[in-house]
Amino acid sequence: MTEPGRDLRLFSEDHLLAQLETAPFQNGYFVVEFYADDGGRPSRKPTGRVEVFYLYPSGGTLRDKDLNLLWYDSSFDTYRGFRPPERQR
């Protein structure tokens, strides 16, 4: 459950994990939302726009709406031991 006043759209690994609890999973990726900077990258600060991003757990990559690779973290890679939150899909 989200803490009151906690904005999960601010990019961080903890906020990404929290969003995965309820994010739709389709075609091998999770659909998440973050604030985006002027370059369309996830932002750690509030901005005037929110964009959709895609986390591919089979590679630990976060991609933008055009599927450009923006970020990799091995701790989100299922081949390196990441286990997405358990829920029915």
Foldseek 3Di string as FASTA:
>chain_A
DDDPPDDLQQDDPVSVLVCLVPFDDDPQWTKDKHAADPVRAHHNDHDPDIFIWIQRQCFQFIAGPVRDTDDHDLCSHVVNPNDRDDDDD
